[in-house]
PDB file of N, CA and C in Angstrom:
ATOM      1  N   MET A   1      10.929   8.224 104.276  1.00  0.00           N
ATOM      2  CA  MET A   1      11.822   7.212 104.790  1.00  0.00           C
ATOM      3  C   MET A   1      13.024   7.091 103.856  1.00  0.00           C
ATOM      4  N   PRO A   2      14.207   7.289 104.333  1.00  0.00           N
ATOM      5  CA  PRO A   2      15.395   7.236 103.483  1.00  0.00           C
ATOM      6  C   PRO A   2      15.720   5.787 103.077  1.00  0.00           C
ATOM      7  N   ALA A   3      16.278   5.651 101.882  1.00  0.00           N
ATOM      8  CA  ALA A   3      16.659   4.329 101.376  1.00  0.00           C
ATOM      9  C   ALA A   3      17.863   3.836 102.146  1.00  0.00           C
ATOM     10  N   THR A   4      17.755   2.637 102.600  1.00  0.00           N
ATOM     11  CA  THR A   4      18.871   2.053 103.336  1.00  0.00           C
ATOM     12  C   THR A   4      19.703   1.217 102.384  1.00  0.00           C
ATOM     13  N   GLY A   5      20.768   0.698 102.908  1.00  0.00           N
ATOM     14  CA  GLY A   5      21.636  -0.158 102.098  1.00  0.00           C
ATOM     15  C   GLY A   5      20.907  -1.405 101.633  1.00  0.00           C
ATOM     16  N   ILE A   6      19.979  -1.893 102.455  1.00  0.00           N
ATOM     17  CA  ILE A   6      19.216  -3.091 102.097  1.00  0.00           C
ATOM     18  C   ILE A   6      18.288  -2.790 100.926  1.00  0.00           C
ATOM     19  N   ASP A   7      17.626  -1.617 100.959  1.00  0.00           N
ATOM     20  CA  ASP A   7      16.727  -1.245  99.858  1.00  0.00           C
ATOM     21  C   ASP A   7      17.498  -1.108  98.553  1.00  0.00           C
ATOM     22  N   ALA A   8      18.671  -0.523  98.631  1.00  0.00           N
ATOM     23  CA  ALA A   8      19.498  -0.367  97.425  1.00  0.00           C
ATOM     24  C   ALA A   8      19.917  -1.732  96.897  1.00  0.00           C
ATOM     25  N   ALA A   9      20.263  -2.641  97.800  1.00  0.00           N
ATOM     26  CA  ALA A   9      20.668  -3.980  97.384  1.00  0.00           C
ATOM     27  C   ALA A   9      19.498  -4.710  96.719  1.00  0.00           C
ATOM     28  N   ILE A  10      18.302  -4.544  97.278  1.00  0.00           N
ATOM     29  CA  ILE A  10      17.117  -5.182  96.697  1.00  0.00           C
ATOM     30  C   ILE A  10      16.860  -4.655  95.294  1.00  0.00           C
ATOM     31  N   ARG A  11      16.934  -3.321  95.112  1.00  0.00           N
ATOM     32  CA  ARG A  11      16.719  -2.737  93.784  1.00  0.00           C
ATOM     33  C   ARG A  11      17.756  -3.248  92.793  1.00  0.00           C
ATOM     34  N   GLU A  12      19.010  -3.336  93.219  1.00  0.00           N
ATOM     35  CA  GLU A  12      20.080  -3.820  92.338  1.00  0.00           C
ATOM     36  C   GLU A  12      19.831  -5.284  91.955  1.00  0.00           C
ATOM     37  N   LEU A  13      19.424  -6.093  92.921  1.00  0.00           N
ATOM     38  CA  LEU A  13      19.147  -7.500  92.629  1.00  0.00           C
ATOM     39  C   LEU A  13      17.954  -7.653  91.689  1.00  0.00           C
ATOM     40  N   GLN A  14      16.950  -6.802  91.843  1.00  0.00           N
ATOM     41  CA  GLN A  14      15.790  -6.857  90.950  1.00  0.00           C
ATOM     42  C   GLN A  14      16.194  -6.485  89.526  1.00  0.00           C
ATOM     43  N   ARG A  15      17.088  -5.514  89.368  1.00  0.00           N
ATOM     44  CA  ARG A  15      17.583  -5.154  88.028  1.00  0.00           C
ATOM     45  C   ARG A  15      18.346  -6.325  87.410  1.00  0.00           C
ATOM     46  N   GLU A  16      19.176  -6.966  88.233  1.00  0.00           N
ATOM     47  CA  GLU A  16      19.931  -8.125  87.747  1.00  0.00           C
ATOM     48  C   GLU A  16      18.988  -9.265  87.356  1.00  0.00           C
ATOM     49  N   GLN A  17      17.945  -9.433  88.145  1.00  0.00           N
ATOM     50  CA  GLN A  17      16.969 -10.480  87.855  1.00  0.00           C
ATOM     51  C   GLN A  17      16.296 -10.229  86.506  1.00  0.00           C
ATOM     52  N   GLU A  18      15.947  -8.987  86.214  1.00  0.00           N
ATOM     53  CA  GLU A  18      15.334  -8.648  84.924  1.00  0.00           C
ATOM     54  C   GLU A  18      16.281  -8.943  83.776  1.00  0.00           C
ATOM     55  N   LYS A  19      17.572  -8.626  83.963  1.00  0.00           N
ATOM     56  CA  LYS A  19      18.563  -8.905  82.916  1.00  0.00           C
ATOM     57  C   LYS A  19      18.679 -10.411  82.688  1.00  0.00           C
ATOM     58  N   ILE A  20      18.732 -11.154  83.780  1.00  0.00           N
ATOM     59  CA  ILE A  20      18.868 -12.609  83.667  1.00  0.00           C
ATOM     60  C   ILE A  20      17.654 -13.210  82.977  1.00  0.00           C
ATOM     61  N   GLN A  21      16.469 -12.733  83.313  1.00  0.00           N
ATOM     62  CA  GLN A  21      15.258 -13.233  82.661  1.00  0.00           C
ATOM     63  C   GLN A  21      15.295 -12.958  81.159  1.00  0.00           C
ATOM     64  N   GLY A  22      15.812 -11.794  80.774  1.00  0.00           N
ATOM     65  CA  GLY A  22      15.939 -11.473  79.349  1.00  0.00           C
ATOM     66  C   GLY A  22      16.887 -12.432  78.644  1.00  0.00           C
ATOM     67  N   VAL A  23      18.001 -12.743  79.289  1.00  0.00           N
ATOM     68  CA  VAL A  23      18.977 -13.666  78.701  1.00  0.00           C
ATOM     69  C   VAL A  23      18.375 -15.070  78.608  1.00  0.00           C
ATOM     70  N   ILE A  24      17.659 -15.495  79.643  1.00  0.00           N
ATOM     71  CA  ILE A  24      17.030 -16.817  79.614  1.00  0.00           C
ATOM     72  C   ILE A  24      16.027 -16.903  78.475  1.00  0.00           C
ATOM     73  N   SER A  25      15.228 -15.862  78.285  1.00  0.00           N
ATOM     74  CA  SER A  25      14.250 -15.859  77.194  1.00  0.00           C
ATOM     75  C   SER A  25      14.942 -15.938  75.842  1.00  0.00           C
ATOM     76  N   ALA A  26      16.052 -15.202  75.698  1.00  0.00           N
ATOM     77  CA  ALA A  26      16.786 -15.234  74.435  1.00  0.00           C
ATOM     78  C   ALA A  26      17.350 -16.618  74.175  1.00  0.00           C
ATOM     79  N   LEU A  27      17.887 -17.255  75.203  1.00  0.00           N
ATOM     80  CA  LEU A  27      18.447 -18.594  75.026  1.00  0.00           C
ATOM     81  C   LEU A  27      17.364 -19.617  74.704  1.00  0.00           C
ATOM     82  N   LYS A  28      16.219 -19.498  75.342  1.00  0.00           N
ATOM     83  CA  LYS A  28      15.122 -20.418  75.053  1.00  0.00           C
ATOM     84  C   LYS A  28      14.656 -20.300  73.614  1.00  0.00           C
ATOM     85  N   SER A  29      14.700 -19.092  73.077  1.00  0.00           N
ATOM     86  CA  SER A  29      14.251 -18.904  71.693  1.00  0.00           C
ATOM     87  C   SER A  29      15.231 -19.507  70.689  1.00  0.00           C
ATOM     88  N   LEU A  30      16.461 -19.803  71.126  1.00  0.00           N
ATOM     89  CA  LEU A  30      17.458 -20.393  70.235  1.00  0.00           C
ATOM     90  C   LEU A  30      17.372 -21.916  70.190  1.00  0.00           C
ATOM     91  N   ARG A  31      16.569 -22.513  71.054  1.00  0.00           N
ATOM     92  CA  ARG A  31      16.430 -23.971  71.055  1.00  0.00           C
ATOM     93  C   ARG A  31      15.827 -24.451  69.750  1.00  0.00           C
ATOM     94  N   PRO A  32      16.257 -25.624  69.278  1.00  0.00           N
ATOM     95  CA  PRO A  32      15.648 -26.177  68.065  1.00  0.00           C
ATOM     96  C   PRO A  32      14.167 -26.433  68.289  1.00  0.00           C
ATOM     97  N   GLY A  33      13.389 -26.103  67.282  1.00  0.00           N
ATOM     98  CA  GLY A  33      11.957 -26.346  67.348  1.00  0.00           C
ATOM     99  C   GLY A  33      11.193 -25.291  68.113  1.00  0.00           C
ATOM    100  N   SER A  34      11.859 -24.205  68.485  1.00  0.00           N
ATOM    101  CA  SER A  34      11.156 -23.189  69.261  1.00  0.00           C
ATOM    102  C   SER A  34      10.765 -21.983  68.419  1.00  0.00           C
ATOM    103  N   GLY A  35      11.088 -22.008  67.137  1.00  0.00           N
ATOM    104  CA  GLY A  35      10.777 -20.875  66.276  1.00  0.00           C
ATOM    105  C   GLY A  35       9.307 -20.813  65.923  1.00  0.00           C
ATOM    106  N   PRO A  36       8.880 -19.726  65.304  1.00  0.00           N
ATOM    107  CA  PRO A  36       7.476 -19.611  64.924  1.00  0.00           C
ATOM    108  C   PRO A  36       7.127 -20.643  63.851  1.00  0.00           C
ATOM    109  N   GLY A  37       5.957 -21.177  63.946  1.00  0.00           N
ATOM    110  CA  GLY A  37       5.509 -22.160  62.971  1.00  0.00           C
ATOM    111  C   GLY A  37       6.010 -23.558  63.246  1.00  0.00           C
ATOM    112  N   LYS A  38       6.868 -23.706  64.211  1.00  0.00           N
ATOM    113  CA  LYS A  38       7.424 -25.015  64.518  1.00  0.00           C
ATOM    114  C   LYS A  38       6.537 -25.792  65.480  1.00  0.00           C
ATOM    115  N   ARG A  39       5.695 -25.094  66.192  1.00  0.00           N
ATOM    116  CA  ARG A  39       4.863 -25.764  67.175  1.00  0.00           C
ATOM    117  C   ARG A  39       3.660 -26.392  66.492  1.00  0.00           C
ATOM    118  N   THR A  40       3.602 -27.675  66.593  1.00  0.00           N
ATOM    119  CA  THR A  40       2.460 -28.388  66.042  1.00  0.00           C
ATOM    120  C   THR A  40       1.876 -29.255  67.143  1.00  0.00           C
ATOM    121  N   ARG A  41       0.591 -29.331  67.156  1.00  0.00           N
ATOM    122  CA  ARG A  41      -0.057 -30.190  68.140  1.00  0.00           C
ATOM    123  C   ARG A  41      -0.056 -31.607  67.626  1.00  0.00           C
ATOM    124  N   ARG A  42       0.312 -32.494  68.478  1.00  0.00           N
ATOM    125  CA  ARG A  42       0.265 -33.896  68.103  1.00  0.00           C
ATOM    126  C   ARG A  42      -1.131 -34.407  68.369  1.00  0.00           C
ATOM    127  N   VAL A  43      -1.675 -35.035  67.369  1.00  0.00           N
ATOM    128  CA  VAL A  43      -3.020 -35.575  67.483  1.00  0.00           C
ATOM    129  C   VAL A  43      -2.886 -37.015  67.947  1.00  0.00           C
ATOM    130  N   LYS A  44      -3.563 -37.323  69.008  1.00  0.00           N
ATOM    131  CA  LYS A  44      -3.522 -38.686  69.505  1.00  0.00           C
ATOM    132  C   LYS A  44      -4.355 -39.566  68.584  1.00  0.00           C
ATOM    133  N   ARG A  45      -3.700 -40.558  68.031  1.00  0.00           N
ATOM    134  CA  ARG A  45      -4.399 -41.459  67.122  1.00  0.00           C
ATOM    135  C   ARG A  45      -5.093 -42.552  67.921  1.00  0.00           C
ATOM    136  N   THR A  46      -6.272 -42.852  67.501  1.00  0.00           N
ATOM    137  CA  THR A  46      -6.966 -43.964  68.129  1.00  0.00           C
ATOM    138  C   THR A  46      -6.647 -45.208  67.318  1.00  0.00           C
ATOM    139  N   GLY A  47      -6.655 -46.329  67.967  1.00  0.00           N
ATOM    140  CA  GLY A  47      -6.340 -47.578  67.276  1.00  0.00           C
ATOM    141  C   GLY A  47      -7.351 -47.869  66.190  1.00  0.00           C
ATOM    142  N   ARG A  48      -6.904 -48.488  65.151  1.00  0.00           N
ATOM    143  CA  ARG A  48      -7.819 -48.856  64.079  1.00  0.00           C
ATOM    144  C   ARG A  48      -8.700 -49.990  64.559  1.00  0.00           C
ATOM    145  N   LYS A  49      -9.941 -49.865  64.284  1.00  0.00           N
ATOM    146  CA  LYS A  49     -10.895 -50.890  64.698  1.00  0.00           C
ATOM    147  C   LYS A  49     -11.161 -51.824  63.529  1.00  0.00           C
ATOM    148  N   LEU A  50     -11.133 -53.098  63.821  1.00  0.00           N
ATOM    149  CA  LEU A  50     -11.395 -54.097  62.802  1.00  0.00           C
ATOM    150  C   LEU A  50     -12.564 -54.943  63.302  1.00  0.00           C
ATOM    151  N   SER A  51     -13.540 -55.090  62.468  1.00  0.00           N
ATOM    152  CA  SER A  51     -14.721 -55.843  62.888  1.00  0.00           C
ATOM    153  C   SER A  51     -14.358 -57.321  63.046  1.00  0.00           C
ATOM    154  N   GLN A  52     -15.214 -58.029  63.727  1.00  0.00           N
ATOM    155  CA  GLN A  52     -14.999 -59.450  63.927  1.00  0.00           C
ATOM    156  C   GLN A  52     -15.013 -60.183  62.583  1.00  0.00           C
ATOM    157  N   ALA A  53     -15.898 -59.751  61.689  1.00  0.00           N
ATOM    158  CA  ALA A  53     -15.963 -60.375  60.366  1.00  0.00           C
ATOM    159  C   ALA A  53     -14.668 -60.116  59.588  1.00  0.00           C
ATOM    160  N   GLY A  54     -14.124 -58.912  59.724  1.00  0.00           N
ATOM    161  CA  GLY A  54     -12.874 -58.587  59.049  1.00  0.00           C
ATOM    162  C   GLY A  54     -11.720 -59.433  59.569  1.00  0.00           C
ATOM    163  N   ARG A  55     -11.653 -59.580  60.892  1.00  0.00           N
ATOM    164  CA  ARG A  55     -10.612 -60.426  61.479  1.00  0.00           C
ATOM    165  C   ARG A  55     -10.761 -61.875  61.008  1.00  0.00           C
ATOM    166  N   ARG A  56     -11.993 -62.335  60.902  1.00  0.00           N
ATOM    167  CA  ARG A  56     -12.244 -63.714  60.452  1.00  0.00           C
ATOM    168  C   ARG A  56     -11.771 -63.906  59.009  1.00  0.00           C
ATOM    169  N   ARG A  57     -12.070 -62.930  58.145  1.00  0.00           N
ATOM    170  CA  ARG A  57     -11.621 -63.028  56.742  1.00  0.00           C
ATOM    171  C   ARG A  57     -10.101 -63.079  56.655  1.00  0.00           C
ATOM    172  N   ILE A  58      -9.436 -62.258  57.454  1.00  0.00           N
ATOM    173  CA  ILE A  58      -7.969 -62.246  57.443  1.00  0.00           C
ATOM    174  C   ILE A  58      -7.432 -63.582  57.945  1.00  0.00           C
ATOM    175  N   SER A  59      -8.041 -64.110  58.993  1.00  0.00           N
ATOM    176  CA  SER A  59      -7.618 -65.397  59.547  1.00  0.00           C
ATOM    177  C   SER A  59      -7.765 -66.519  58.526  1.00  0.00           C
ATOM    178  N   ILE A  60      -8.899 -66.546  57.853  1.00  0.00           N
ATOM    179  CA  ILE A  60      -9.145 -67.588  56.843  1.00  0.00           C
ATOM    180  C   ILE A  60      -8.141 -67.467  55.706  1.00  0.00           C
ATOM    181  N   ALA A  61      -7.880 -66.255  55.247  1.00  0.00           N
ATOM    182  CA  ALA A  61      -6.920 -66.050  54.155  1.00  0.00           C
ATOM    183  C   ALA A  61      -5.523 -66.492  54.574  1.00  0.00           C
ATOM    184  N   ALA A  62      -5.130 -66.186  55.815  1.00  0.00           N
ATOM    185  CA  ALA A  62      -3.804 -66.579  56.289  1.00  0.00           C
ATOM    186  C   ALA A  62      -3.695 -68.099  56.367  1.00  0.00           C
ATOM    187  N   LYS A  63      -4.745 -68.743  56.846  1.00  0.00           N
ATOM    188  CA  LYS A  63      -4.737 -70.206  56.934  1.00  0.00           C
ATOM    189  C   LYS A  63      -4.627 -70.837  55.550  1.00  0.00           C
ATOM    190  N   LYS A  64      -5.297 -70.231  54.560  1.00  0.00           N
ATOM    191  CA  LYS A  64      -5.205 -70.738  53.184  1.00  0.00           C
ATOM    192  C   LYS A  64      -3.784 -70.593  52.650  1.00  0.00           C
ATOM    193  N   ARG A  65      -3.156 -69.441  52.929  1.00  0.00           N
ATOM    194  CA  ARG A  65      -1.781 -69.226  52.461  1.00  0.00           C
ATOM    195  C   ARG A  65      -0.832 -70.240  53.081  1.00  0.00           C
ATOM    196  N   TRP A  66      -0.943 -70.458  54.389  1.00  0.00           N
ATOM    197  CA  TRP A  66      -0.068 -71.411  55.054  1.00  0.00           C
ATOM    198  C   TRP A  66      -0.335 -72.837  54.576  1.00  0.00           C
ATOM    199  N   ALA A  67      -1.591 -73.166  54.316  1.00  0.00           N
ATOM    200  CA  ALA A  67      -1.915 -74.492  53.800  1.00  0.00           C
ATOM    201  C   ALA A  67      -1.262 -74.689  52.438  1.00  0.00           C
ATOM    202  N   ALA A  68      -1.284 -73.666  51.599  1.00  0.00           N
ATOM    203  CA  ALA A  68      -0.663 -73.752  50.271  1.00  0.00           C
ATOM    204  C   ALA A  68       0.844 -73.922  50.393  1.00  0.00           C
ATOM    205  N   ILE A  69       1.468 -73.208  51.340  1.00  0.00           N
ATOM    206  CA  ILE A  69       2.920 -73.315  51.529  1.00  0.00           C
ATOM    207  C   ILE A  69       3.278 -74.703  52.015  1.00  0.00           C
ATOM    208  N   LYS A  70       2.532 -75.234  52.977  1.00  0.00           N
ATOM    209  CA  LYS A  70       2.806 -76.567  53.505  1.00  0.00           C
ATOM    210  C   LYS A  70       2.586 -77.638  52.436  1.00  0.00           C
ATOM    211  N   ALA A  71       1.564 -77.451  51.597  1.00  0.00           N
ATOM    212  CA  ALA A  71       1.283 -78.422  50.533  1.00  0.00           C
ATOM    213  C   ALA A  71       2.395 -78.410  49.485  1.00  0.00           C
ATOM    214  N   ALA A  72       2.971 -77.217  49.252  1.00  0.00           N
ATOM    215  CA  ALA A  72       4.038 -77.114  48.242  1.00  0.00           C
ATOM    216  C   ALA A  72       5.314 -77.786  48.715  1.00  0.00           C
ATOM    217  N   LYS A  73       5.526 -77.882  50.004  1.00  0.00           N
ATOM    218  CA  LYS A  73       6.730 -78.511  50.548  1.00  0.00           C
ATOM    219  C   LYS A  73       6.686 -80.017  50.429  1.00  0.00           C
ATOM    220  N   LYS A  74       5.497 -80.613  50.366  1.00  0.00           N
ATOM    221  CA  LYS A  74       5.374 -82.079  50.305  1.00  0.00           C
ATOM    222  C   LYS A  74       5.659 -82.623  48.953  1.00  0.00           C
TER     223      LYS A  74
END
């Protein structure tokens, strides 16, 4: 089957597509943070857990501090 004008156009477009893909890859590699060693996985941090007793101690200490400040103003 002889190549028609359409087949030639398809081959030419496929060559152009390969060139464009090469240029896109080159441009992507120039982006900041895209170099080797730059990719780091972000670790999702879980919230710090504070026991009820710990929260109570902090609350009591804060109340003592505020009581001292209020007493100093009088």
